[in-house]
Structures are given as structure tokens and as C-alpha cells.
Amino acid sequence: MKKRFATKGRSVSDLKAHLVLTTKYRRKVFTSDMLSELHNIFADLLEKWDGDLVEFNGESDHIHLLFQYHPDVQLSSLVNNLKSVSSRKLRQQFHDILSQFYSKNVVWNSSYFVASCGGVTINQLKKYIENQDNPKE
């Protein structure tokens, strides 16, 4: 994690969210290379939104992001941007693999889960995400 607090103008914030995205039809499509690329995509996108990727991991059919964001950001807009851009970039880079599972240009399920991180400590949540069953391929 790069930033401890998000600052802009005279405001200082420390808002973190846990986002879970699942693949369309919960198909087991992700490889370790795909997860690595998704990590890079999400880190870059969050930086553009004045945020920070705290932790990322996933399994073959879903991913977890723990990220910091600024209160000026509308969370639903940020999530939709994360989903659409990551889907497009992943389909460009891994077209051959994804086309075996999907006939249309999709990766993500249309829904998502997002929660603030007040229920558990950040360290507990980071350990949970770190211990995801990462594909070995």
C-alpha cells in the first residue's frame, strides 16, 4: 500500500472497500497470468481515480480487491469502470483462452459485491485475500 491517507485540497480520508467480482456464469477461466495482468490493470486504474490498490488476489472464477478511494469518487462509477476496462483489456490480451468459454465479449458477471472494511481489521482482510486458492497455471 502506497498511501496511508487520501488527500485532496483540505480533506484527508481513509476509505477502503472490499470488492468481489465473479466471472460470467462462474466459469473457471482465470490463470495465474490473467490474475497477474488483472492486478496491474486494477492498480493503474485506481491510481487514475486517485485511489490505491491495497491487496489483490483471486481464484479461477472470482477476484478480490481491497482498495483505498477518495470520498469524491462515486463508488458505483468506479466499480463499473474497473469492470469494463479490465474486461476489455483482458479480452484483448487473452482472447484465445476467453473465447473458449464465452462467445460474446464478456468476462464479469453483471453483479458485484462491495463492502466497507469496518467489520474486520485490514490485516485480517489482507490475510483472507492473500490466502485465496490462486491457480497454478
C-alpha atoms as a PDB file:
ATOM      1  CA  MET A   1       0.000   0.000   0.000  1.00  0.00           C
ATOM      2  CA  LYS A   2       1.482   3.310  -1.079  1.00  0.00           C
ATOM      3  CA  LYS A   3      -0.785   5.836   0.633  1.00  0.00           C
ATOM      4  CA  ARG A   4      -1.835   5.854   4.238  1.00  0.00           C
ATOM      5  CA  PHE A   5      -4.431   8.587   3.719  1.00  0.00           C
ATOM      6  CA  ALA A   6      -6.043  10.073   0.628  1.00  0.00           C
ATOM      7  CA  THR A   7      -5.708  13.841   0.480  1.00  0.00           C
ATOM      8  CA  LYS A   8      -7.265  16.369  -1.832  1.00  0.00           C
ATOM      9  CA  GLY A   9      -7.491  20.052  -1.092  1.00  0.00           C
ATOM     10  CA  ARG A  10      -8.223  20.316   2.608  1.00  0.00           C
ATOM     11  CA  SER A  11      -9.706  16.848   3.038  1.00  0.00           C
ATOM     12  CA  VAL A  12      -7.982  13.763   4.364  1.00  0.00           C
ATOM     13  CA  SER A  13      -9.704  10.407   4.181  1.00  0.00           C
ATOM     14  CA  ASP A  14      -9.037   6.741   4.734  1.00  0.00           C
ATOM     15  CA  LEU A  15     -11.843   4.920   2.938  1.00  0.00           C
ATOM     16  CA  LYS A  16     -11.257   1.325   1.927  1.00  0.00           C
ATOM     17  CA  ALA A  17     -13.551  -1.089   0.154  1.00  0.00           C
ATOM     18  CA  HIS A  18     -13.504  -4.822  -0.480  1.00  0.00           C
ATOM     19  CA  LEU A  19     -14.751  -5.661  -3.980  1.00  0.00           C
ATOM     20  CA  VAL A  20     -15.519  -9.154  -5.241  1.00  0.00           C
ATOM     21  CA  LEU A  21     -16.090  -9.775  -8.940  1.00  0.00           C
ATOM     22  CA  THR A  22     -17.116 -13.136 -10.344  1.00  0.00           C
ATOM     23  CA  THR A  23     -16.721 -14.427 -13.858  1.00  0.00           C
ATOM     24  CA  LYS A  24     -19.798 -14.724 -16.056  1.00  0.00           C
ATOM     25  CA  TYR A  25     -21.601 -17.991 -15.189  1.00  0.00           C
ATOM     26  CA  ARG A  26     -18.867 -18.542 -12.523  1.00  0.00           C
ATOM     27  CA  ARG A  27     -16.763 -20.251 -15.198  1.00  0.00           C
ATOM     28  CA  LYS A  28     -13.258 -21.155 -14.061  1.00  0.00           C
ATOM     29  CA  VAL A  29     -11.342 -19.153 -16.666  1.00  0.00           C
ATOM     30  CA  PHE A  30      -8.567 -17.294 -14.845  1.00  0.00           C
ATOM     31  CA  THR A  31      -4.973 -18.466 -14.964  1.00  0.00           C
ATOM     32  CA  SER A  32      -2.167 -17.073 -12.839  1.00  0.00           C
ATOM     33  CA  ASP A  33      -1.049 -14.948 -15.836  1.00  0.00           C
ATOM     34  CA  MET A  34      -4.529 -13.459 -16.108  1.00  0.00           C
ATOM     35  CA  LEU A  35      -4.626 -12.694 -12.391  1.00  0.00           C
ATOM     36  CA  SER A  36      -1.227 -11.027 -12.649  1.00  0.00           C
ATOM     37  CA  GLU A  37      -2.457  -8.880 -15.532  1.00  0.00           C
ATOM     38  CA  LEU A  38      -5.646  -8.004 -13.652  1.00  0.00           C
ATOM     39  CA  HIS A  39      -3.526  -6.892 -10.699  1.00  0.00           C
ATOM     40  CA  ASN A  40      -1.646  -4.474 -12.987  1.00  0.00           C
ATOM     41  CA  ILE A  41      -4.827  -3.228 -14.673  1.00  0.00           C
ATOM     42  CA  PHE A  42      -6.579  -2.536 -11.357  1.00  0.00           C
ATOM     43  CA  ALA A  43      -3.522  -0.842  -9.826  1.00  0.00           C
ATOM     44  CA  ASP A  44      -3.241   1.503 -12.839  1.00  0.00           C
ATOM     45  CA  LEU A  45      -6.958   2.272 -12.935  1.00  0.00           C
ATOM     46  CA  LEU A  46      -7.191   3.009  -9.222  1.00  0.00           C
ATOM     47  CA  GLU A  47      -4.252   5.386  -9.465  1.00  0.00           C
ATOM     48  CA  LYS A  48      -6.112   7.280 -12.221  1.00  0.00           C
ATOM     49  CA  TRP A  49      -9.103   7.558  -9.882  1.00  0.00           C
ATOM     50  CA  ASP A  50      -6.862   8.950  -7.082  1.00  0.00           C
ATOM     51  CA  GLY A  51      -7.080   5.620  -5.289  1.00  0.00           C
ATOM     52  CA  ASP A  52      -4.700   2.852  -4.323  1.00  0.00           C
ATOM     53  CA  LEU A  53      -4.765  -0.924  -4.639  1.00  0.00           C
ATOM     54  CA  VAL A  54      -4.080  -2.297  -1.156  1.00  0.00           C
ATOM     55  CA  GLU A  55      -4.400  -6.009  -1.907  1.00  0.00           C
ATOM     56  CA  PHE A  56      -5.457  -8.198  -4.807  1.00  0.00           C
ATOM     57  CA  ASN A  57      -5.873 -11.918  -5.329  1.00  0.00           C
ATOM     58  CA  GLY A  58      -8.301 -14.377  -6.769  1.00  0.00           C
ATOM     59  CA  GLU A  59      -9.186 -17.842  -7.855  1.00  0.00           C
ATOM     60  CA  SER A  60     -10.120 -19.258 -11.240  1.00  0.00           C
ATOM     61  CA  ASP A  61     -13.693 -17.885 -11.091  1.00  0.00           C
ATOM     62  CA  HIS A  62     -13.527 -14.703  -8.981  1.00  0.00           C
ATOM     63  CA  ILE A  63     -11.257 -11.963  -7.694  1.00  0.00           C
ATOM     64  CA  HIS A  64     -10.943  -9.856  -4.548  1.00  0.00           C
ATOM     65  CA  LEU A  65      -9.742  -6.256  -4.466  1.00  0.00           C
ATOM     66  CA  LEU A  66      -9.050  -4.257  -1.349  1.00  0.00           C
ATOM     67  CA  PHE A  67      -8.608  -0.641  -2.340  1.00  0.00           C
ATOM     68  CA  GLN A  68      -8.487   2.875  -0.979  1.00  0.00           C
ATOM     69  CA  TYR A  69     -10.569   5.573  -2.648  1.00  0.00           C
ATOM     70  CA  HIS A  70     -11.315   9.246  -2.209  1.00  0.00           C
ATOM     71  CA  PRO A  71     -14.746  10.377  -0.945  1.00  0.00           C
ATOM     72  CA  ASP A  72     -15.257  12.484  -4.097  1.00  0.00           C
ATOM     73  CA  VAL A  73     -15.480   9.256  -6.112  1.00  0.00           C
ATOM     74  CA  GLN A  74     -18.874   7.708  -6.724  1.00  0.00           C
ATOM     75  CA  LEU A  75     -18.187   4.075  -5.809  1.00  0.00           C
ATOM     76  CA  SER A  76     -20.614   2.575  -8.347  1.00  0.00           C
ATOM     77  CA  SER A  77     -18.962   4.549 -11.173  1.00  0.00           C
ATOM     78  CA  LEU A  78     -15.529   3.404 -10.064  1.00  0.00           C
ATOM     79  CA  VAL A  79     -16.635  -0.249  -9.911  1.00  0.00           C
ATOM     80  CA  ASN A  80     -18.259  -0.058 -13.346  1.00  0.00           C
ATOM     81  CA  ASN A  81     -15.065   1.449 -14.756  1.00  0.00           C
ATOM     82  CA  LEU A  82     -12.924  -1.244 -13.124  1.00  0.00           C
ATOM     83  CA  LYS A  83     -15.155  -3.947 -14.598  1.00  0.00           C
ATOM     84  CA  SER A  84     -15.452  -2.554 -18.123  1.00  0.00           C
ATOM     85  CA  VAL A  85     -11.802  -1.583 -18.621  1.00  0.00           C
ATOM     86  CA  SER A  86     -10.425  -4.783 -17.087  1.00  0.00           C
ATOM     87  CA  SER A  87     -12.789  -6.885 -19.189  1.00  0.00           C
ATOM     88  CA  ARG A  88     -11.766  -5.128 -22.400  1.00  0.00           C
ATOM     89  CA  LYS A  89      -8.039  -5.342 -21.676  1.00  0.00           C
ATOM     90  CA  LEU A  90      -8.205  -8.951 -20.546  1.00  0.00           C
ATOM     91  CA  ARG A  91     -10.153  -9.949 -23.666  1.00  0.00           C
ATOM     92  CA  GLN A  92      -7.546  -8.209 -25.846  1.00  0.00           C
ATOM     93  CA  GLN A  93      -4.612  -9.947 -24.212  1.00  0.00           C
ATOM     94  CA  PHE A  94      -6.156 -13.396 -23.607  1.00  0.00           C
ATOM     95  CA  HIS A  95      -8.657 -13.619 -26.460  1.00  0.00           C
ATOM     96  CA  ASP A  96      -7.796 -17.225 -27.375  1.00  0.00           C
ATOM     97  CA  ILE A  97      -8.389 -18.526 -23.855  1.00  0.00           C
ATOM     98  CA  LEU A  98     -11.513 -16.477 -23.098  1.00  0.00           C
ATOM     99  CA  SER A  99     -13.152 -17.266 -26.449  1.00  0.00           C
ATOM    100  CA  GLN A 100     -13.187 -20.936 -25.406  1.00  0.00           C
ATOM    101  CA  PHE A 101     -15.555 -20.006 -22.569  1.00  0.00           C
ATOM    102  CA  TYR A 102     -17.533 -17.048 -23.931  1.00  0.00           C
ATOM    103  CA  SER A 103     -18.948 -16.380 -27.372  1.00  0.00           C
ATOM    104  CA  LYS A 104     -19.602 -12.719 -26.549  1.00  0.00           C
ATOM    105  CA  ASN A 105     -17.244 -10.051 -25.258  1.00  0.00           C
ATOM    106  CA  VAL A 106     -17.789 -10.739 -21.571  1.00  0.00           C
ATOM    107  CA  VAL A 107     -15.673 -11.628 -18.571  1.00  0.00           C
ATOM    108  CA  TRP A 108     -17.569 -10.445 -15.488  1.00  0.00           C
ATOM    109  CA  ASN A 109     -20.941 -11.307 -14.059  1.00  0.00           C
ATOM    110  CA  SER A 110     -23.226  -8.263 -14.213  1.00  0.00           C
ATOM    111  CA  SER A 111     -23.388  -8.060 -10.404  1.00  0.00           C
ATOM    112  CA  TYR A 112     -20.693  -7.457  -7.803  1.00  0.00           C
ATOM    113  CA  PHE A 113     -20.131  -7.373  -4.054  1.00  0.00           C
ATOM    114  CA  VAL A 114     -18.612  -4.339  -2.343  1.00  0.00           C
ATOM    115  CA  ALA A 115     -18.281  -3.638   1.368  1.00  0.00           C
ATOM    116  CA  SER A 116     -16.581  -1.104   3.543  1.00  0.00           C
ATOM    117  CA  CYS A 117     -13.853  -2.556   5.716  1.00  0.00           C
ATOM    118  CA  GLY A 118     -15.188  -1.666   9.148  1.00  0.00           C
ATOM    119  CA  GLY A 119     -16.248  -5.195  10.120  1.00  0.00           C
ATOM    120  CA  VAL A 120     -12.748  -6.683  10.320  1.00  0.00           C
ATOM    121  CA  THR A 121      -9.280  -5.290  10.593  1.00  0.00           C
ATOM    122  CA  ILE A 122      -7.385  -4.548   7.412  1.00  0.00           C
ATOM    123  CA  ASN A 123      -4.770  -7.163   8.360  1.00  0.00           C
ATOM    124  CA  GLN A 124      -7.440  -9.859   8.719  1.00  0.00           C
ATOM    125  CA  LEU A 125      -8.916  -8.952   5.335  1.00  0.00           C
ATOM    126  CA  LYS A 126      -5.469  -8.830   3.700  1.00  0.00           C
ATOM    127  CA  LYS A 127      -4.686 -12.323   5.055  1.00  0.00           C
ATOM    128  CA  TYR A 128      -8.005 -13.633   3.735  1.00  0.00           C
ATOM    129  CA  ILE A 129      -7.284 -12.245   0.269  1.00  0.00           C
ATOM    130  CA  GLU A 130      -3.650 -13.429   0.331  1.00  0.00           C
ATOM    131  CA  ASN A 131      -4.857 -16.978   1.108  1.00  0.00           C
ATOM    132  CA  GLN A 132      -7.094 -17.293  -1.957  1.00  0.00           C
ATOM    133  CA  ASP A 133      -6.538 -20.518  -3.884  1.00  0.00           C
ATOM    134  CA  ASN A 134      -4.542 -18.949  -6.751  1.00  0.00           C
ATOM    135  CA  PRO A 135      -4.469 -21.074  -9.962  1.00  0.00           C
ATOM    136  CA  LYS A 136      -1.102 -22.743 -10.531  1.00  0.00           C
ATOM    137  CA  GLU A 137      -1.145 -22.371 -14.349  1.00  0.00           C
END
